[in-house]
Amino acid sequence: MKKTIVTLFALTLFITTINAQSYPELIKVTGGTFTMGDNLGLGQEDEQPTHEVALKDFYIGKTEVTVAQYRNYCNATGVSMPDEPSWGWNSSDPIVNVNWNDALNYCDWLSEKLDKNITLPTEAQWEFAARGGNQSKGKYTGGRSMATAGWYGDNSGNKAHTVATKKANELGLYDMSGNIWEWCLDWYKSDYYAISPSKNPKNTARGYYRVIRGGSWISNASNCRVANRSYYKPSFRYIYYGFRVVSF
């Protein structure tokens, strides 16, 4: 009997590991109200004005989408893997060299595969999750020290790193400060905060750029703050651009 229990436990662990390699693990974020924007006086004009935002419950990826998870999608659909970075494809690293459209195509495929509504996080969902919901204790997603929160210019050795190897935030989410920039669903508008709705905001007004968040392995610490906003053309691919998914 003992041998049978051990065997079943090992099989369960193996299946769990395979699923984690194949699909992102999602963490529930209980909705609530938070102050969005730079409330520490450290940011740029596009992080102002600070404003109250209320969000519904949602689920978000525990980590960035990994190389193994993206390769699973490519194998299933015939889509080509992105250009390989100089450090190579390591299965547990975040996928890089994907543009906004690549990321959304992955979400559409995963939605059908899992029979769930999977997409990219809105900018507000991303920041709320990065702040640990209403439990935030620091300006980075893992606390007050960027050295323990994530991989950035001072500690990365000029490459992305295996996900979940730095400190998690209060919700158990990893790498939302540093490692890779993460695409968000919204179009970027520098003065959006002045007109943002107070409930479940999402900027759908077409522009030139999409929002990216979180900083990367090449960023300075300031760009890895949870309130920091940045943007890029949705068609561009870089070795420090990736994404994580949400479901609701």
Protein backbone atom coordinates (compact mmCIF):
# COMPACT_ATOMS: atom_id res chain seq x y z
CA MET A 1 0.00 0.00 0.00
CA LYS A 2 2.79 2.43 0.94
CA LYS A 3 4.53 1.76 -2.38
CA THR A 4 1.25 2.41 -4.23
CA ILE A 5 0.74 5.75 -2.45
CA VAL A 6 4.31 6.83 -3.25
CA THR A 7 3.84 5.84 -6.89
CA LEU A 8 0.57 7.79 -7.16
CA PHE A 9 2.17 10.84 -5.55
CA ALA A 10 5.07 10.68 -7.99
CA LEU A 11 2.65 10.36 -10.92
CA THR A 12 0.61 13.36 -9.71
CA LEU A 13 3.78 15.42 -9.32
CA PHE A 14 4.89 14.42 -12.82
CA ILE A 15 1.53 15.40 -14.36
CA THR A 16 1.55 18.72 -12.48
CA THR A 17 5.05 19.44 -13.76
CA ILE A 18 4.08 18.61 -17.35
CA ASN A 19 1.03 20.89 -17.14
CA ALA A 20 3.16 23.72 -15.73
CA GLN A 21 5.54 23.29 -18.64
CA SER A 22 2.70 23.28 -21.17
CA TYR A 23 0.41 26.05 -19.92
CA PRO A 24 0.74 29.10 -17.62
CA GLU A 25 -0.30 28.71 -14.00
CA LEU A 26 -2.90 31.33 -13.07
CA ILE A 27 -3.25 33.04 -9.69
CA LYS A 28 -6.54 34.59 -8.56
CA VAL A 29 -6.46 38.33 -7.91
CA THR A 30 -9.40 39.42 -5.79
CA GLY A 31 -10.76 42.69 -7.10
CA GLY A 32 -10.67 45.92 -5.17
CA THR A 33 -9.84 49.60 -5.30
CA PHE A 34 -6.32 50.99 -5.42
CA THR A 35 -4.44 54.18 -6.18
CA MET A 36 -2.95 53.86 -9.65
CA GLY A 37 0.08 55.89 -10.67
CA ASP A 38 3.21 57.30 -9.04
CA ASN A 39 2.40 58.03 -5.40
CA LEU A 40 6.08 58.22 -4.38
CA GLY A 41 7.16 61.17 -6.50
CA LEU A 42 9.67 59.07 -8.45
CA GLY A 43 8.07 58.86 -11.87
CA GLN A 44 7.34 60.69 -15.11
CA GLU A 45 4.44 62.91 -16.12
CA ASP A 46 2.58 60.01 -17.73
CA GLU A 47 2.30 58.37 -14.28
CA GLN A 48 0.14 61.29 -13.11
CA PRO A 49 -2.36 62.12 -11.87
CA THR A 50 -2.73 59.33 -9.34
CA HIS A 51 -6.32 58.14 -9.38
CA GLU A 52 -8.56 55.58 -7.75
CA VAL A 53 -9.34 52.51 -9.83
CA ALA A 54 -11.77 49.68 -9.02
CA LEU A 55 -11.24 46.27 -10.62
CA LYS A 56 -13.24 43.04 -10.74
CA ASP A 57 -11.70 39.68 -9.84
CA PHE A 58 -9.36 38.19 -12.42
CA TYR A 59 -6.64 35.57 -12.78
CA ILE A 60 -3.11 36.34 -13.91
CA GLY A 61 -0.07 34.29 -14.83
CA LYS A 62 2.12 33.38 -11.88
CA THR A 63 5.10 34.07 -14.16
CA GLU A 64 5.75 35.29 -17.64
CA VAL A 65 4.90 32.84 -20.43
CA THR A 66 7.94 30.60 -20.69
CA VAL A 67 9.90 29.25 -23.64
CA ALA A 68 8.43 25.78 -23.05
CA GLN A 69 4.87 27.11 -22.93
CA TYR A 70 5.33 29.15 -26.10
CA ARG A 71 7.03 26.26 -27.88
CA ASN A 72 4.00 24.11 -27.03
CA TYR A 73 1.86 26.66 -28.86
CA CYS A 74 4.24 26.74 -31.83
CA ASN A 75 4.28 22.95 -32.09
CA ALA A 76 0.49 22.82 -31.96
CA THR A 77 -0.13 25.53 -34.55
CA GLY A 78 2.87 25.42 -36.89
CA VAL A 79 3.88 28.97 -35.92
CA SER A 80 7.65 29.46 -35.98
CA MET A 81 9.55 30.10 -32.76
CA PRO A 82 10.91 33.66 -32.48
CA ASP A 83 14.56 34.45 -33.14
CA GLU A 84 16.69 32.76 -30.50
CA PRO A 85 18.47 35.12 -28.06
CA SER A 86 22.23 34.97 -27.60
CA TRP A 87 21.88 32.95 -24.37
CA GLY A 88 19.79 30.28 -26.09
CA TRP A 89 16.36 28.79 -25.54
CA ASN A 90 16.08 27.56 -21.96
CA SER A 91 12.69 25.99 -21.28
CA SER A 92 12.06 27.82 -17.99
CA ASP A 93 13.18 31.24 -19.22
CA PRO A 94 10.55 33.77 -20.31
CA ILE A 95 9.81 33.81 -24.02
CA VAL A 96 11.32 36.88 -25.71
CA ASN A 97 11.41 38.39 -29.20
CA VAL A 98 7.62 38.37 -29.40
CA ASN A 99 5.58 41.39 -30.41
CA TRP A 100 2.12 42.42 -29.21
CA ASN A 101 0.40 40.55 -32.03
CA ASP A 102 2.37 37.35 -31.31
CA ALA A 103 1.32 37.58 -27.67
CA LEU A 104 -2.36 38.07 -28.51
CA ASN A 105 -2.29 35.19 -30.99
CA TYR A 106 -0.94 32.96 -28.22
CA CYS A 107 -3.78 34.12 -25.95
CA ASP A 108 -6.38 33.32 -28.63
CA TRP A 109 -4.95 29.82 -29.03
CA LEU A 110 -4.84 29.24 -25.28
CA SER A 111 -8.43 30.46 -24.92
CA GLU A 112 -9.60 27.78 -27.32
CA LYS A 113 -7.30 25.13 -25.83
CA LEU A 114 -8.46 25.66 -22.24
CA ASP A 115 -11.99 26.86 -23.00
CA LYS A 116 -11.33 30.03 -21.03
CA ASN A 117 -11.24 33.73 -21.84
CA ILE A 118 -7.47 34.31 -22.00
CA THR A 119 -5.97 37.65 -23.02
CA LEU A 120 -3.29 40.16 -22.08
CA PRO A 121 -3.70 42.15 -18.86
CA THR A 122 -5.02 45.67 -19.05
CA GLU A 123 -2.60 48.25 -17.73
CA ALA A 124 -4.71 48.61 -14.58
CA GLN A 125 -4.88 44.85 -13.99
CA TRP A 126 -1.13 44.60 -14.46
CA GLU A 127 -0.36 47.35 -11.93
CA PHE A 128 -2.87 46.09 -9.37
CA ALA A 129 -1.41 42.59 -9.56
CA ALA A 130 2.16 43.89 -9.45
CA ARG A 131 1.32 45.87 -6.33
CA GLY A 132 0.05 42.70 -4.66
CA GLY A 133 -3.55 43.86 -4.84
CA ASN A 134 -4.10 46.01 -1.78
CA GLN A 135 -1.18 44.45 0.07
CA SER A 136 1.70 46.40 -1.50
CA LYS A 137 4.77 46.91 0.68
CA GLY A 138 7.18 48.50 -1.78
CA LYS A 139 7.85 50.25 -5.05
CA TYR A 140 8.86 46.98 -6.79
CA THR A 141 6.70 43.93 -7.19
CA GLY A 142 8.66 41.93 -4.60
CA GLY A 143 9.19 44.69 -2.05
CA ARG A 144 11.52 47.62 -1.52
CA SER A 145 14.73 46.16 -2.96
CA MET A 146 15.10 45.62 -6.69
CA ALA A 147 18.06 43.31 -6.06
CA THR A 148 15.74 40.76 -4.41
CA ALA A 149 12.61 41.54 -6.47
CA GLY A 150 13.93 40.82 -9.93
CA TRP A 151 16.57 40.70 -12.64
CA TYR A 152 17.64 44.10 -13.93
CA GLY A 153 20.68 45.89 -15.33
CA ASP A 154 22.77 45.61 -12.17
CA ASN A 155 22.40 41.87 -11.56
CA SER A 156 21.24 40.15 -14.77
CA GLY A 157 24.54 39.61 -16.57
CA ASN A 158 22.84 40.97 -19.70
CA LYS A 159 20.33 38.19 -20.20
CA ALA A 160 16.90 37.00 -19.11
CA HIS A 161 16.75 34.43 -16.32
CA THR A 162 14.67 31.42 -15.31
CA VAL A 163 11.27 32.57 -14.09
CA ALA A 164 10.40 32.56 -10.37
CA THR A 165 14.00 32.69 -9.18
CA LYS A 166 13.58 36.03 -7.40
CA LYS A 167 11.21 37.06 -4.61
CA ALA A 168 7.46 36.71 -5.16
CA ASN A 169 5.11 39.53 -4.29
CA GLU A 170 2.23 39.38 -1.81
CA LEU A 171 0.03 37.42 -4.25
CA GLY A 172 2.70 34.88 -5.14
CA LEU A 173 3.48 36.49 -8.52
CA TYR A 174 7.03 36.57 -9.88
CA ASP A 175 9.11 38.79 -12.14
CA MET A 176 6.71 41.67 -12.55
CA SER A 177 9.66 43.94 -11.81
CA GLY A 178 12.50 43.18 -14.19
CA ASN A 179 13.46 40.13 -16.27
CA ILE A 180 11.38 41.15 -19.31
CA TRP A 181 9.05 43.97 -20.33
CA GLU A 182 5.48 42.68 -20.53
CA TRP A 183 2.95 43.65 -23.17
CA CYS A 184 -0.41 44.95 -21.93
CA LEU A 185 -3.73 45.08 -23.78
CA ASP A 186 -4.09 48.88 -23.81
CA TRP A 187 -3.09 51.43 -26.38
CA TYR A 188 -0.66 53.93 -24.85
CA LYS A 189 -1.68 57.54 -24.26
CA SER A 190 0.60 59.77 -22.20
CA ASP A 191 -2.27 61.70 -20.57
CA TYR A 192 -4.66 58.75 -20.23
CA TYR A 193 -4.68 58.94 -16.44
CA ALA A 194 -6.45 62.31 -16.62
CA ILE A 195 -9.43 60.75 -18.42
CA SER A 196 -9.28 57.13 -17.26
CA PRO A 197 -12.57 55.58 -16.11
CA SER A 198 -12.62 54.67 -12.45
CA LYS A 199 -13.91 51.14 -13.02
CA ASN A 200 -12.06 48.46 -15.01
CA PRO A 201 -10.29 50.94 -17.32
CA LYS A 202 -8.89 49.89 -20.69
CA ASN A 203 -7.66 52.34 -23.31
CA THR A 204 -9.16 51.17 -26.61
CA ALA A 205 -8.59 54.44 -28.51
CA ARG A 206 -6.28 53.47 -31.34
CA GLY A 207 -2.79 54.99 -31.27
CA TYR A 208 0.76 54.26 -32.40
CA TYR A 209 1.95 52.31 -29.37
CA ARG A 210 0.88 49.59 -26.95
CA VAL A 211 1.68 49.71 -23.25
CA ILE A 212 4.57 47.67 -21.87
CA ARG A 213 5.20 47.29 -18.16
CA GLY A 214 7.68 46.07 -15.57
CA GLY A 215 11.17 46.78 -16.89
CA SER A 216 13.62 44.11 -17.98
CA TRP A 217 17.03 42.53 -17.50
CA ILE A 218 18.61 45.54 -19.19
CA SER A 219 16.66 48.25 -17.29
CA ASN A 220 17.71 50.48 -14.43
CA ALA A 221 15.84 50.08 -11.14
CA SER A 222 13.62 53.11 -11.73
CA ASN A 223 12.14 51.57 -14.86
CA CYS A 224 11.21 48.45 -12.87
CA ARG A 225 8.90 50.29 -10.46
CA VAL A 226 5.31 49.02 -10.41
CA ALA A 227 4.00 52.48 -11.39
CA ASN A 228 6.36 52.97 -14.32
CA ARG A 229 4.75 53.15 -17.77
CA SER A 230 6.40 52.56 -21.10
CA TYR A 231 5.30 51.76 -24.63
CA TYR A 232 6.37 50.49 -28.03
CA LYS A 233 5.03 49.78 -31.49
CA PRO A 234 2.95 46.60 -31.38
CA SER A 235 4.79 45.16 -34.39
CA PHE A 236 8.27 45.34 -32.80
CA ARG A 237 10.13 42.35 -31.35
CA TYR A 238 13.05 42.64 -28.93
CA ILE A 239 15.11 40.32 -26.73
CA TYR A 240 13.63 41.97 -23.65
CA TYR A 241 9.91 41.89 -24.66
CA GLY A 242 7.59 39.12 -23.51
CA PHE A 243 4.22 38.78 -21.77
CA ARG A 244 2.01 37.09 -19.21
CA VAL A 245 -1.67 36.27 -19.53
CA VAL A 246 -4.91 36.96 -17.66
CA SER A 247 -8.26 35.22 -17.47
CA PHE A 248 -11.60 36.44 -16.13
